[in-house]
């Protein structure tokens, strides 16, 4: 493991545990090394590789789009276990370019290391709970490594499904599911007889398994309907509308089941449900006119606001929040504004903010670690120990600051929503929910 990879592993393992409310790993891989090519979906852009590598045990080498490699970035990317991969959409001769990369992946796998590759090859502009077709590159890499090792070592493919509720929303949830390990050695006879056909077949098996690891709404036009149904029923992977009585695993299974049921609808059956879809869209416009969210409507209707908890948390965290504002808060606000202005695609916002915040906050506050010991009143050892603990706690201070802002905003929203008469929209919600259960029995 290279030094930069180790640093990133520690930093992001820590920071992701603060960023997400819940992280669940389904079907864990309890090994560091294992000659496995992990193939993941790619919902969250930069966040996906950082999350997978920092929250799971296997040490991986990342296959990364080639256009980010240049004379300046190459040494850093190498130190972070990144290898370039060339795509047809990049306008290059991928066969020639990737042949050289396969020489490197052959060595990586022969040395009992693992590779992480994103099989779809690109990221959508926003969360879409679907899986695009998996490319043949992972299978090619695996069989190339087997030929390099003269079939004397075992090489595996394994699908991963990263399931976010919303990767751009702090304190949302994520579940990472691993599929079945495919032992490529078992396909030796088929590969030697017909390599192209075998690569296609293995890719088909991998893709079918990966579709069971994620919510997969085949028709993108119905992906928003799927999201709206989860919002109304409060059972699935919606980021804000969900019941605490459901575990993240139950919400994930519900989301998948709902998607599979929608996929099974015929064109006529979908057309019959368009009146309900239009009513849901009209309902969302009513919420927008009232300037409230569905979750705020629900909290008001059920009298589930918890202002006391927010007030207590503000008082308890206030001293730490001040430290968080001093060391990191103003930086995170500046980073947020710059990223949302500079990046047109929101899919990059959450991951870019996180990476920049970690490095910029670290660099800006690093002098503190070396200056503070000379101004503390205790012994030399105690001064350095306190300074080190304080420096490591900067992430907690920053989290306290963000929690404080969230609680203040929450209290303002409580006051605003309680001032609105929601009787009519509550009745519309009840009627729509009844109709949803009639038209979508699985919901």
Protein backbone atom coordinates (compact mmCIF):
# COMPACT_ATOMS: atom_id res chain seq x y z
CA UNK A 1 0.00 0.00 0.00
CA UNK A 2 1.45 3.34 -1.05
CA UNK A 3 1.63 6.23 1.43
CA UNK A 4 -0.91 8.48 -0.30
CA UNK A 5 -3.38 5.60 -0.59
CA UNK A 6 -2.99 4.91 3.15
CA UNK A 7 -3.55 8.58 3.98
CA UNK A 8 -6.65 8.74 1.77
CA UNK A 9 -7.98 5.52 3.27
CA UNK A 10 -7.77 6.91 6.81
CA UNK A 11 -8.98 10.41 5.91
CA UNK A 12 -11.99 9.31 3.91
CA UNK A 13 -12.95 6.47 6.24
CA UNK A 14 -13.18 9.08 9.00
CA UNK A 15 -14.86 11.81 6.93
CA UNK A 16 -17.45 9.56 5.28
CA UNK A 17 -18.57 8.34 8.71
CA UNK A 18 -19.28 11.98 9.54
CA UNK A 19 -20.84 12.82 6.17
CA UNK A 20 -23.29 9.92 5.93
CA UNK A 21 -25.87 9.12 8.59
CA UNK A 22 -25.61 5.39 7.94
CA UNK A 23 -23.18 3.29 5.91
CA UNK A 24 -24.04 -0.38 5.49
CA UNK A 25 -21.86 -3.02 3.82
CA UNK A 26 -23.77 -6.02 2.50
CA UNK A 27 -21.82 -9.24 1.85
CA UNK A 28 -18.44 -8.02 3.09
CA UNK A 29 -15.11 -9.10 1.58
CA UNK A 30 -12.87 -9.98 4.52
CA UNK A 31 -9.50 -9.85 2.80
CA UNK A 32 -6.96 -7.20 1.82
CA UNK A 33 -5.58 -9.03 -1.21
CA UNK A 34 -7.40 -11.47 -3.46
CA UNK A 35 -6.80 -11.07 -7.23
CA UNK A 36 -10.37 -9.79 -7.64
CA UNK A 37 -11.62 -7.33 -10.22
CA UNK A 38 -14.42 -5.40 -8.50
CA UNK A 39 -16.91 -3.96 -10.98
CA UNK A 40 -19.19 -1.24 -9.62
CA UNK A 41 -22.04 0.91 -10.84
CA UNK A 42 -21.20 4.60 -11.06
CA UNK A 43 -23.91 6.83 -9.60
CA UNK A 44 -21.79 9.24 -7.57
CA UNK A 45 -18.84 10.27 -9.74
CA UNK A 46 -15.67 10.89 -7.66
CA UNK A 47 -17.42 9.77 -4.50
CA UNK A 48 -17.79 6.16 -5.65
CA UNK A 49 -14.12 5.07 -5.66
CA UNK A 50 -13.34 6.99 -2.46
CA UNK A 51 -16.30 5.44 -0.64
CA UNK A 52 -15.69 1.88 -1.85
CA UNK A 53 -11.97 1.94 -1.10
CA UNK A 54 -12.29 3.56 2.33
CA UNK A 55 -15.26 1.57 3.67
CA UNK A 56 -14.38 -1.94 2.47
CA UNK A 57 -11.41 -4.08 3.46
CA UNK A 58 -9.86 -5.01 0.06
CA UNK A 59 -7.00 -2.78 -1.10
CA UNK A 60 -7.68 -1.79 -4.70
CA UNK A 61 -6.06 -0.20 -7.73
CA UNK A 62 -8.50 2.13 -9.49
CA UNK A 63 -9.07 2.12 -13.23
CA UNK A 64 -9.50 5.85 -13.92
CA UNK A 65 -10.46 7.73 -17.07
CA UNK A 66 -7.27 8.53 -18.97
CA UNK A 67 -7.90 12.24 -19.55
CA UNK A 68 -7.14 13.10 -15.89
CA UNK A 69 -3.56 11.85 -16.28
CA UNK A 70 -0.93 14.42 -17.23
CA UNK A 71 2.65 15.29 -16.26
CA UNK A 72 1.48 17.06 -13.11
CA UNK A 73 -1.19 14.63 -11.87
CA UNK A 74 0.43 11.33 -12.87
CA UNK A 75 2.77 11.00 -9.80
CA UNK A 76 -0.09 11.73 -7.39
CA UNK A 77 -2.51 9.41 -9.15
CA UNK A 78 0.15 6.67 -9.19
CA UNK A 79 0.65 7.12 -5.43
CA UNK A 80 -3.12 6.77 -4.96
CA UNK A 81 -3.20 3.40 -6.83
CA UNK A 82 -4.78 4.82 -10.00
CA UNK A 83 -4.27 3.39 -13.47
CA UNK A 84 -5.57 4.99 -16.70
CA UNK A 85 -8.24 3.33 -18.81
CA UNK A 86 -9.04 4.51 -22.33
CA UNK A 87 -12.64 4.68 -23.57
CA UNK A 88 -13.98 4.80 -27.11
CA UNK A 89 -15.86 7.99 -26.27
CA UNK A 90 -12.46 9.67 -25.63
CA UNK A 91 -11.67 9.47 -29.36
CA UNK A 92 -8.53 7.32 -29.15
CA UNK A 93 -7.49 3.89 -30.40
CA UNK A 94 -8.53 2.04 -27.25
CA UNK A 95 -7.20 -1.32 -28.42
CA UNK A 96 -3.63 -0.08 -28.73
CA UNK A 97 -3.71 2.23 -25.70
CA UNK A 98 -5.34 -0.29 -23.36
CA UNK A 99 -2.97 -3.08 -24.43
CA UNK A 100 -0.22 -1.25 -22.52
CA UNK A 101 -2.51 -0.78 -19.53
CA UNK A 102 -3.34 -4.49 -19.54
CA UNK A 103 0.39 -5.17 -19.05
CA UNK A 104 0.14 -3.24 -15.78
CA UNK A 105 -3.12 -4.83 -14.65
CA UNK A 106 -1.63 -8.25 -15.38
CA UNK A 107 1.19 -7.49 -12.94
CA UNK A 108 -1.18 -6.02 -10.34
CA UNK A 109 -3.40 -9.11 -10.34
CA UNK A 110 -0.48 -11.55 -10.46
CA UNK A 111 0.81 -9.95 -7.26
CA UNK A 112 -2.42 -10.83 -5.44
CA UNK A 113 -3.79 -7.28 -5.63
CA UNK A 114 -7.32 -6.15 -6.51
CA UNK A 115 -8.68 -3.80 -9.17
CA UNK A 116 -11.73 -1.54 -9.03
CA UNK A 117 -13.39 -0.53 -12.28
CA UNK A 118 -16.70 1.19 -13.04
CA UNK A 119 -18.37 -1.04 -15.55
CA UNK A 120 -20.90 1.43 -16.97
CA UNK A 121 -18.11 3.73 -18.14
CA UNK A 122 -19.81 7.03 -17.25
CA UNK A 123 -21.97 8.83 -14.67
CA UNK A 124 -25.43 10.33 -15.21
CA UNK A 125 -25.97 14.03 -14.46
CA UNK A 126 -28.11 13.18 -11.43
CA UNK A 127 -29.11 10.21 -9.35
CA UNK A 128 -30.95 7.74 -11.55
CA UNK A 129 -31.72 4.46 -9.89
CA UNK A 130 -30.80 2.28 -12.85
CA UNK A 131 -27.88 0.28 -14.20
CA UNK A 132 -26.51 0.93 -17.67
CA UNK A 133 -25.01 -1.86 -19.76
CA UNK A 134 -21.72 -3.20 -18.39
CA UNK A 135 -18.71 -2.90 -20.69
CA UNK A 136 -16.53 -5.89 -21.58
CA UNK A 137 -13.33 -4.32 -20.23
CA UNK A 138 -13.40 -6.01 -16.79
CA UNK A 139 -13.68 -9.49 -18.32
CA UNK A 140 -10.91 -8.69 -20.81
CA UNK A 141 -8.64 -7.55 -17.98
CA UNK A 142 -9.34 -10.75 -16.07
CA UNK A 143 -8.68 -13.17 -18.92
CA UNK A 144 -5.57 -11.20 -19.92
CA UNK A 145 -4.23 -11.68 -16.38
CA UNK A 146 -4.98 -15.39 -16.52
CA UNK A 147 -3.06 -15.78 -19.77
CA UNK A 148 -0.20 -13.76 -18.27
CA UNK A 149 -0.13 -16.18 -15.30
CA UNK A 150 -0.49 -19.20 -17.63
CA UNK A 151 -3.79 -19.97 -15.83
CA UNK A 152 -1.86 -20.95 -12.69
CA UNK A 153 -3.51 -18.34 -10.45
CA UNK A 154 -7.14 -17.77 -9.63
CA UNK A 155 -8.69 -14.53 -10.91
CA UNK A 156 -12.17 -13.37 -9.91
CA UNK A 157 -14.78 -10.88 -11.05
CA UNK A 158 -17.20 -9.51 -8.47
CA UNK A 159 -19.98 -6.96 -8.90
CA UNK A 160 -20.58 -4.12 -6.45
CA UNK A 161 -23.73 -2.04 -6.08
CA UNK A 162 -23.43 1.39 -4.47
CA UNK A 163 -26.88 2.54 -3.37
CA UNK A 164 -27.12 6.16 -2.22
CA UNK A 165 -30.23 7.87 -0.95
CA UNK A 166 -28.62 11.12 -2.19
CA UNK A 167 -24.83 11.48 -2.45
CA UNK A 168 -25.07 15.31 -2.47
CA UNK A 169 -27.03 15.45 0.79
CA UNK A 170 -25.11 15.44 4.08
CA UNK A 171 -26.42 12.91 6.63
CA UNK A 172 -28.05 10.79 3.95
CA UNK A 173 -27.52 7.01 3.78
CA UNK A 174 -25.60 4.59 1.57
CA UNK A 175 -25.52 0.81 1.21
CA UNK A 176 -22.74 -1.03 -0.64
CA UNK A 177 -23.65 -4.55 -1.73
CA UNK A 178 -21.23 -7.13 -3.13
CA UNK A 179 -22.40 -9.88 -5.47
CA UNK A 180 -21.19 -13.37 -6.26
CA UNK A 181 -17.50 -13.94 -7.04
CA UNK A 182 -17.09 -15.26 -10.57
CA UNK A 183 -14.03 -17.51 -10.89
CA UNK A 184 -12.73 -16.85 -14.38
CA UNK A 185 -10.59 -19.99 -14.37
CA UNK A 186 -13.82 -21.99 -14.72
CA UNK A 187 -14.24 -20.57 -18.24
CA UNK A 188 -10.83 -21.66 -19.53
CA UNK A 189 -12.06 -24.23 -22.09
CA UNK A 190 -14.69 -21.85 -23.46
CA UNK A 191 -12.23 -18.96 -23.64
CA UNK A 192 -9.58 -20.95 -25.49
CA UNK A 193 -12.22 -22.07 -27.99
CA UNK A 194 -13.89 -18.68 -28.53
CA UNK A 195 -12.46 -15.72 -26.52
CA UNK A 196 -14.91 -13.08 -27.79
CA UNK A 197 -17.99 -15.20 -27.08
CA UNK A 198 -16.74 -16.11 -23.60
CA UNK A 199 -16.00 -12.49 -22.69
CA UNK A 200 -19.53 -11.56 -23.79
CA UNK A 201 -21.05 -14.40 -21.76
CA UNK A 202 -19.08 -13.59 -18.60
CA UNK A 203 -20.03 -9.93 -18.93
CA UNK A 204 -23.69 -10.96 -19.26
CA UNK A 205 -23.46 -13.06 -16.07
CA UNK A 206 -21.77 -10.19 -14.22
CA UNK A 207 -24.35 -7.64 -15.39
CA UNK A 208 -27.26 -9.86 -14.39
CA UNK A 209 -25.80 -10.23 -10.90
CA UNK A 210 -25.14 -6.49 -10.60
CA UNK A 211 -28.77 -5.72 -11.46
CA UNK A 212 -29.74 -7.56 -8.26
CA UNK A 213 -27.44 -5.29 -6.21
CA UNK A 214 -28.99 -1.94 -7.17
CA UNK A 215 -32.37 -0.36 -7.77
CA UNK A 216 -32.74 -0.73 -11.53
CA UNK A 217 -35.59 1.20 -13.19
CA UNK A 218 -35.15 0.31 -16.86
CA UNK A 219 -37.09 3.26 -18.28
CA UNK A 220 -35.51 6.58 -17.21
CA UNK A 221 -38.88 8.33 -17.66
CA UNK A 222 -40.24 6.16 -14.84
CA UNK A 223 -37.27 6.70 -12.52
CA UNK A 224 -38.88 9.90 -11.19
CA UNK A 225 -42.17 8.06 -10.68
CA UNK A 226 -40.30 5.43 -8.68
CA UNK A 227 -38.76 8.18 -6.54
CA UNK A 228 -42.17 9.80 -5.98
CA UNK A 229 -43.70 6.50 -4.91
CA UNK A 230 -40.95 6.03 -2.33
CA UNK A 231 -41.59 9.59 -1.11
CA UNK A 232 -45.30 8.87 -0.59
CA UNK A 233 -44.95 5.43 1.02
CA UNK A 234 -41.91 6.39 3.17
CA UNK A 235 -40.52 2.85 2.87
CA UNK A 236 -37.71 3.06 0.34
CA UNK A 237 -34.40 4.81 -0.36
CA UNK A 238 -35.81 8.34 -0.55
CA UNK A 239 -33.28 10.64 1.21
CA UNK A 240 -35.73 12.47 3.50
CA UNK A 241 -39.04 10.60 3.43
CA UNK A 242 -38.62 7.27 5.21
CA UNK A 243 -39.80 5.58 8.38
CA UNK A 244 -37.36 4.95 11.21
CA UNK A 245 -38.98 1.55 11.76
CA UNK A 246 -37.34 0.30 8.56
CA UNK A 247 -33.68 -0.70 8.43
CA UNK A 248 -31.55 0.52 5.55
CA UNK A 249 -31.48 -3.05 4.20
CA UNK A 250 -35.31 -3.18 4.22
CA UNK A 251 -35.51 0.17 2.45
CA UNK A 252 -33.03 -1.09 -0.17
CA UNK A 253 -35.02 -4.29 -0.77
CA UNK A 254 -38.26 -2.30 -1.05
CA UNK A 255 -36.69 0.08 -3.56
CA UNK A 256 -35.52 -2.84 -5.71
CA UNK A 257 -38.86 -4.66 -5.51
CA UNK A 258 -40.76 -1.52 -6.50
CA UNK A 259 -38.43 -0.96 -9.47
CA UNK A 260 -38.79 -4.57 -10.64
CA UNK A 261 -42.59 -4.32 -10.44
CA UNK A 262 -42.56 -1.12 -12.51
CA UNK A 263 -40.26 -2.79 -15.06
CA UNK A 264 -42.86 -5.54 -15.48
CA UNK A 265 -45.66 -3.17 -16.50
CA UNK A 266 -46.79 -3.28 -20.11
CA UNK A 267 -47.17 -0.11 -22.18
CA UNK A 268 -50.94 -0.26 -21.72
CA UNK A 269 -50.59 -0.69 -17.94
CA UNK A 270 -48.27 2.30 -17.77
CA UNK A 271 -50.67 4.39 -19.83
CA UNK A 272 -53.48 3.48 -17.42
CA UNK A 273 -51.42 4.91 -14.55
CA UNK A 274 -50.55 8.19 -16.22
CA UNK A 275 -53.52 9.96 -14.61
CA UNK A 276 -52.04 9.12 -11.19
CA UNK A 277 -48.58 10.24 -12.32
CA UNK A 278 -50.02 13.58 -13.45
CA UNK A 279 -51.83 14.01 -10.13
CA UNK A 280 -48.57 13.35 -8.26
CA UNK A 281 -46.78 15.97 -10.35
CA UNK A 282 -49.58 18.45 -9.63
CA UNK A 283 -49.28 17.65 -5.91
CA UNK A 284 -45.54 18.38 -6.00
CA UNK A 285 -46.24 21.72 -7.66
CA UNK A 286 -48.62 22.55 -4.81
CA UNK A 287 -45.86 21.79 -2.32
CA UNK A 288 -43.51 24.06 -4.26
CA UNK A 289 -46.05 26.90 -4.23
CA UNK A 290 -46.37 26.52 -0.46
CA UNK A 291 -42.55 26.51 -0.26
CA UNK A 292 -42.43 23.31 1.81
CA UNK A 293 -41.15 19.78 1.28
CA UNK A 294 -43.13 16.56 1.53
CA UNK A 295 -41.23 15.61 4.68
CA UNK A 296 -42.11 18.94 6.30
CA UNK A 297 -45.77 18.36 5.42
CA UNK A 298 -45.59 14.92 7.02
CA UNK A 299 -43.91 16.23 10.19
CA UNK A 300 -46.58 18.87 10.53
CA UNK A 301 -49.49 16.49 9.90
CA UNK A 302 -48.21 13.92 12.41
CA UNK A 303 -46.98 16.56 14.89
CA UNK A 304 -43.57 14.90 14.75
CA UNK A 305 -41.43 18.05 14.94
CA UNK A 306 -38.72 17.75 17.59
CA UNK A 307 -37.77 21.32 18.40
CA UNK A 308 -36.62 20.44 21.92
CA UNK A 309 -33.98 18.05 20.59
CA UNK A 310 -32.65 20.73 18.24
CA UNK A 311 -32.52 23.34 21.01
CA UNK A 312 -30.62 21.00 23.34
CA UNK A 313 -28.20 20.08 20.55
CA UNK A 314 -27.56 23.76 19.78
CA UNK A 315 -26.69 24.46 23.42
CA UNK A 316 -24.49 21.37 23.78
CA UNK A 317 -22.60 21.80 20.52
CA UNK A 318 -22.27 25.59 20.56
CA UNK A 319 -18.67 25.75 21.96
CA UNK A 320 -17.50 23.09 19.50
CA UNK A 321 -19.41 24.80 16.69
CA UNK A 322 -17.49 28.01 17.31
CA UNK A 323 -14.23 26.08 16.94
CA UNK A 324 -15.62 24.41 13.81
CA UNK A 325 -16.53 27.77 12.30
CA UNK A 326 -13.07 29.13 13.08
CA UNK A 327 -11.09 26.22 11.65
CA UNK A 328 -13.32 24.87 8.87
CA UNK A 329 -16.76 26.46 8.62
CA UNK A 330 -15.82 29.50 6.56
CA UNK A 331 -13.70 27.32 4.29
CA UNK A 332 -16.52 24.85 3.63
CA UNK A 333 -18.90 27.71 2.78
CA UNK A 334 -16.40 29.17 0.29
CA UNK A 335 -15.76 25.72 -1.22
CA UNK A 336 -19.50 25.08 -1.57
CA UNK A 337 -20.07 28.35 -3.42
CA UNK A 338 -17.10 27.84 -5.72
CA UNK A 339 -17.92 24.21 -6.60
CA UNK A 340 -21.58 24.91 -7.37
CA UNK A 341 -20.55 27.81 -9.59
CA UNK A 342 -17.65 26.05 -11.33
CA UNK A 343 -19.22 22.63 -11.95
CA UNK A 344 -22.31 22.64 -14.13
CA UNK A 345 -23.16 18.99 -13.42
CA UNK A 346 -24.54 18.54 -9.87
CA UNK A 347 -23.35 14.94 -9.87
CA UNK A 348 -19.84 16.25 -9.16
CA UNK A 349 -20.78 18.59 -6.32
CA UNK A 350 -20.82 16.34 -3.26
CA UNK A 351 -17.61 14.45 -4.01
CA UNK A 352 -15.67 17.54 -5.12
CA UNK A 353 -16.67 19.50 -2.02
CA UNK A 354 -15.57 16.63 0.19
CA UNK A 355 -12.16 16.16 -1.45
CA UNK A 356 -11.41 19.89 -1.47
CA UNK A 357 -12.59 20.36 2.11
CA UNK A 358 -10.36 17.59 3.45
CA UNK A 359 -7.21 18.87 1.76
CA UNK A 360 -7.81 22.60 2.14
CA UNK A 361 -8.87 22.42 5.80
CA UNK A 362 -5.87 20.18 6.48
CA UNK A 363 -3.38 22.51 4.77
CA UNK A 364 -4.81 25.71 6.28
CA UNK A 365 -4.78 24.28 9.83
CA UNK A 366 -1.54 22.30 9.62
CA UNK A 367 0.61 25.14 11.07
CA UNK A 368 -1.55 24.98 14.18
CA UNK A 369 -0.21 21.52 14.96
CA UNK A 370 3.35 22.81 15.17
CA UNK A 371 2.72 26.25 16.69
CA UNK A 372 0.22 25.39 19.42
CA UNK A 373 2.61 23.26 21.59
CA UNK A 374 4.85 26.31 22.20
CA UNK A 375 1.97 28.32 23.72
CA UNK A 376 0.42 25.69 26.00
CA UNK A 377 1.28 25.75 29.72
CA UNK A 378 1.98 22.06 30.34
CA UNK A 379 4.99 19.83 29.80
CA UNK A 380 6.45 19.39 26.34
CA UNK A 381 4.95 15.92 25.93
CA UNK A 382 1.52 17.01 27.17
CA UNK A 383 1.54 20.04 24.88
CA UNK A 384 2.26 17.94 21.80
CA UNK A 385 -0.27 15.30 22.81
CA UNK A 386 -3.00 17.88 23.30
CA UNK A 387 -2.14 19.59 20.00
CA UNK A 388 -2.29 16.30 18.11
CA UNK A 389 -5.66 15.33 19.60
CA UNK A 390 -7.02 18.83 18.93
CA UNK A 391 -5.84 18.68 15.31
CA UNK A 392 -7.44 15.28 14.77
CA UNK A 393 -10.68 16.59 16.26
CA UNK A 394 -11.04 19.32 13.63
CA UNK A 395 -13.41 17.10 11.67
CA UNK A 396 -15.66 16.76 14.71
CA UNK A 397 -15.58 20.52 15.26
CA UNK A 398 -16.54 21.08 11.63
CA UNK A 399 -19.36 18.55 11.99
CA UNK A 400 -20.62 20.41 15.08
CA UNK A 401 -20.70 23.64 13.09
CA UNK A 402 -22.73 22.03 10.30
CA UNK A 403 -25.09 20.43 12.82
CA UNK A 404 -25.62 23.84 14.43
CA UNK A 405 -26.52 25.39 11.07
CA UNK A 406 -28.90 22.51 10.33
CA UNK A 407 -30.65 22.84 13.68
CA UNK A 408 -31.07 26.61 13.32
CA UNK A 409 -32.54 26.10 9.85
CA UNK A 410 -34.79 23.33 11.21
CA UNK A 411 -36.21 25.60 13.91
CA UNK A 412 -36.90 28.33 11.35
CA UNK A 413 -38.72 25.82 9.15
CA UNK A 414 -40.81 24.58 12.08
CA UNK A 415 -42.04 28.10 12.70
CA UNK A 416 -42.73 28.72 9.02
CA UNK A 417 -44.57 25.45 8.29
CA UNK A 418 -46.74 25.72 11.42
CA UNK A 419 -47.99 29.08 10.14
CA UNK A 420 -49.49 27.47 7.01
CA UNK A 421 -52.91 25.85 6.71
CA UNK A 422 -52.12 22.39 5.29
CA UNK A 423 -55.60 20.90 5.52
CA UNK A 424 -56.25 20.78 1.78
CA UNK A 425 -52.89 19.35 0.78
CA UNK A 426 -53.08 16.75 3.57
CA UNK A 427 -56.40 15.54 2.17
CA UNK A 428 -54.91 15.42 -1.33
CA UNK A 429 -51.97 13.40 0.03
CA UNK A 430 -54.32 10.87 1.67
CA UNK A 431 -56.32 10.45 -1.56
CA UNK A 432 -53.15 10.00 -3.62
CA UNK A 433 -51.67 7.49 -1.20
CA UNK A 434 -54.84 5.38 -1.39
CA UNK A 435 -54.72 5.51 -5.19
CA UNK A 436 -51.02 4.53 -5.17
CA UNK A 437 -51.81 1.40 -3.16
CA UNK A 438 -54.53 0.53 -5.67
CA UNK A 439 -52.45 1.08 -8.81
CA UNK A 440 -49.13 -0.16 -7.38
CA UNK A 441 -49.97 -3.07 -5.03
CA UNK A 442 -46.29 -3.71 -4.31
CA UNK A 443 -46.09 -0.24 -2.76
